[in-house]
Amino acid sequence: MTKFGKLVAPALASAVALAATMTAQARDTGRGFNQDAPSARSMGRATSRNMHDYRPVAIPTKRIGKFRIRADIRHLQREIERAAAWRKLSWREAASLRRDANRLERSYWRYSRNGLSRREASGLRHRIARLRVALRIDMRDRDGRRG
């Protein structure tokens, strides 16, 4: 082997190895920008892989503000629809829970028109918690009626 080949072969091999490690580091994790955020699977949410494993997800409501309240209301509406689709609720229970969730959403929009006061936000959070408990109870009783 020539002197040139003895110098170029190791340099080429190290360049290839370096390029391989750089592409491995730059791969997309599929979790967006926040790499420290827990994934849907670790939070117990139903994903396409574990749709058979349905459990309602507890959403913390520590943040005070209209955005957290609105998100909690939307989450409750999705949970009601999901439980009805999975037949964990009868159509009557689902209709009653949907009606309560819609009333809660209308109250939120009525209150937030002029800005939420602490008292209004507290009342909405209390109603969200009550509706979440009612959903959990209705999913477990299997009698086809509320209460």
Protein backbone atom coordinates (compact mmCIF):
# COMPACT_ATOMS: atom_id res chain seq x y z
CA MET A 1 0.00 0.00 0.00
CA THR A 2 1.31 3.42 -0.82
CA LYS A 3 2.12 6.09 1.67
CA PHE A 4 -0.85 8.15 0.38
CA GLY A 5 -3.25 5.21 0.94
CA LYS A 6 -1.97 4.70 4.46
CA LEU A 7 -2.84 8.32 5.31
CA VAL A 8 -6.14 8.66 3.44
CA ALA A 9 -7.81 5.38 4.53
CA PRO A 10 -7.85 6.16 8.29
CA ALA A 11 -8.93 9.75 7.67
CA LEU A 12 -11.78 8.58 5.44
CA ALA A 13 -12.85 5.95 7.98
CA SER A 14 -12.90 8.52 10.81
CA ALA A 15 -14.91 10.96 8.67
CA VAL A 16 -17.51 8.27 7.94
CA ALA A 17 -17.72 7.33 11.63
CA LEU A 18 -18.12 10.99 12.62
CA ALA A 19 -20.87 11.52 10.04
CA ALA A 20 -22.75 8.45 11.30
CA THR A 21 -22.73 9.69 14.90
CA MET A 22 -23.87 13.16 13.86
CA THR A 23 -26.91 11.80 12.00
CA ALA A 24 -27.79 9.64 14.99
CA GLN A 25 -27.81 12.69 17.24
CA ALA A 26 -29.90 14.79 14.87
CA ARG A 27 -32.77 12.33 14.53
CA ASP A 28 -36.34 13.46 15.18
CA THR A 29 -37.76 12.13 18.43
CA GLY A 30 -41.33 12.97 17.43
CA ARG A 31 -41.95 14.86 20.66
CA GLY A 32 -41.80 18.41 19.39
CA PHE A 33 -39.59 21.10 20.84
CA ASN A 34 -39.91 20.20 24.51
CA GLN A 35 -37.79 17.08 24.89
CA ASP A 36 -38.37 16.89 28.66
CA ALA A 37 -42.17 16.74 28.37
CA PRO A 38 -43.73 13.36 29.15
CA SER A 39 -45.11 11.43 26.23
CA ALA A 40 -48.76 10.48 25.81
CA ARG A 41 -47.94 6.86 26.60
CA SER A 42 -46.25 7.68 29.90
CA MET A 43 -49.18 9.92 30.92
CA GLY A 44 -51.65 7.04 30.42
CA ARG A 45 -53.46 8.62 27.48
CA ALA A 46 -54.85 6.39 24.79
CA THR A 47 -52.59 6.38 21.74
CA SER A 48 -52.96 4.46 18.51
CA ARG A 49 -50.91 1.64 20.01
CA ASN A 50 -52.83 1.27 23.25
CA MET A 51 -56.39 2.27 22.30
CA HIS A 52 -57.71 -0.86 24.02
CA ASP A 53 -56.36 0.45 27.32
CA TYR A 54 -58.87 3.20 28.09
CA ARG A 55 -58.48 5.13 31.30
CA PRO A 56 -59.45 8.71 32.00
CA VAL A 57 -56.46 10.96 32.51
CA ALA A 58 -56.23 13.22 35.52
CA ILE A 59 -55.36 16.72 34.36
CA PRO A 60 -53.83 18.97 36.99
CA THR A 61 -55.52 22.36 37.29
CA LYS A 62 -52.80 24.19 39.20
CA ARG A 63 -52.43 27.03 36.73
CA ILE A 64 -54.88 29.83 37.38
CA GLY A 65 -56.19 31.42 34.25
CA LYS A 66 -58.72 31.23 31.52
CA PHE A 67 -56.56 29.08 29.25
CA ARG A 68 -56.30 26.23 31.77
CA ILE A 69 -60.02 26.35 32.49
CA ARG A 70 -60.91 26.31 28.81
CA ALA A 71 -58.52 23.39 28.24
CA ASP A 72 -60.07 21.48 31.15
CA ILE A 73 -63.57 21.98 29.76
CA ARG A 74 -62.48 20.78 26.32
CA HIS A 75 -60.71 17.82 27.88
CA LEU A 76 -63.86 16.87 29.79
CA GLN A 77 -65.91 17.05 26.59
CA ARG A 78 -63.41 14.77 24.83
CA GLU A 79 -63.46 12.33 27.76
CA ILE A 80 -67.27 12.19 27.65
CA GLU A 81 -67.22 11.52 23.91
CA ARG A 82 -64.51 8.88 24.28
CA ALA A 83 -66.35 7.12 27.12
CA ALA A 84 -69.57 7.12 25.09
CA ALA A 85 -67.73 5.75 22.06
CA TRP A 86 -66.21 2.98 24.15
CA ARG A 87 -69.66 2.27 25.64
CA LYS A 88 -68.51 3.02 29.16
CA LEU A 89 -71.57 5.33 29.36
CA SER A 90 -75.12 4.78 28.19
CA TRP A 91 -76.47 7.26 25.64
CA ARG A 92 -78.64 8.81 28.37
CA GLU A 93 -75.70 9.29 30.75
CA ALA A 94 -73.60 10.70 27.92
CA ALA A 95 -76.35 13.11 26.87
CA SER A 96 -76.74 14.38 30.42
CA LEU A 97 -72.98 14.82 30.87
CA ARG A 98 -72.72 16.56 27.48
CA ARG A 99 -75.50 18.94 28.51
CA ASP A 100 -73.68 19.76 31.76
CA ALA A 101 -70.39 20.26 29.92
CA ASN A 102 -72.08 22.56 27.38
CA ARG A 103 -73.65 24.60 30.19
CA LEU A 104 -70.25 24.85 31.81
CA GLU A 105 -68.70 26.01 28.53
CA ARG A 106 -71.43 28.62 28.02
CA SER A 107 -70.86 29.89 31.56
CA TYR A 108 -67.15 30.13 30.85
CA TRP A 109 -67.70 32.17 27.69
CA ARG A 110 -70.23 34.42 29.45
CA TYR A 111 -67.86 35.06 32.37
CA SER A 112 -64.76 35.53 30.23
CA ARG A 113 -66.34 38.26 28.10
CA ASN A 114 -65.29 40.88 30.66
CA GLY A 115 -62.42 38.88 32.13
CA LEU A 116 -62.62 36.20 34.79
CA SER A 117 -62.60 37.28 38.39
CA ARG A 118 -61.05 34.98 40.98
CA ARG A 119 -64.50 34.07 42.24
CA GLU A 120 -65.75 33.13 38.76
CA ALA A 121 -62.61 31.13 38.02
CA SER A 122 -62.94 29.32 41.34
CA GLY A 123 -66.60 28.53 40.65
CA LEU A 124 -65.76 27.18 37.19
CA ARG A 125 -62.95 25.03 38.55
CA HIS A 126 -65.33 23.66 41.19
CA ARG A 127 -67.94 22.81 38.54
CA ILE A 128 -65.24 21.16 36.39
CA ALA A 129 -64.19 19.01 39.34
CA ARG A 130 -67.81 18.02 40.05
CA LEU A 131 -68.39 17.09 36.42
CA ARG A 132 -65.15 15.07 36.37
CA VAL A 133 -66.33 13.13 39.44
CA ALA A 134 -69.76 12.58 37.88
CA LEU A 135 -68.11 11.22 34.73
CA ARG A 136 -65.96 8.85 36.76
CA ILE A 137 -68.95 7.63 38.79
CA ASP A 138 -71.17 7.14 35.73
CA MET A 139 -68.44 5.18 33.96
CA ARG A 140 -68.21 2.74 36.85
CA ASP A 141 -71.83 2.16 37.85
CA ARG A 142 -73.08 0.52 34.60
CA ASP A 143 -76.75 1.13 35.45
CA GLY A 144 -77.59 3.38 32.48
CA ARG A 145 -78.75 6.41 34.45
CA ARG A 146 -77.16 9.36 36.23
CA GLY A 147 -76.49 9.43 39.92
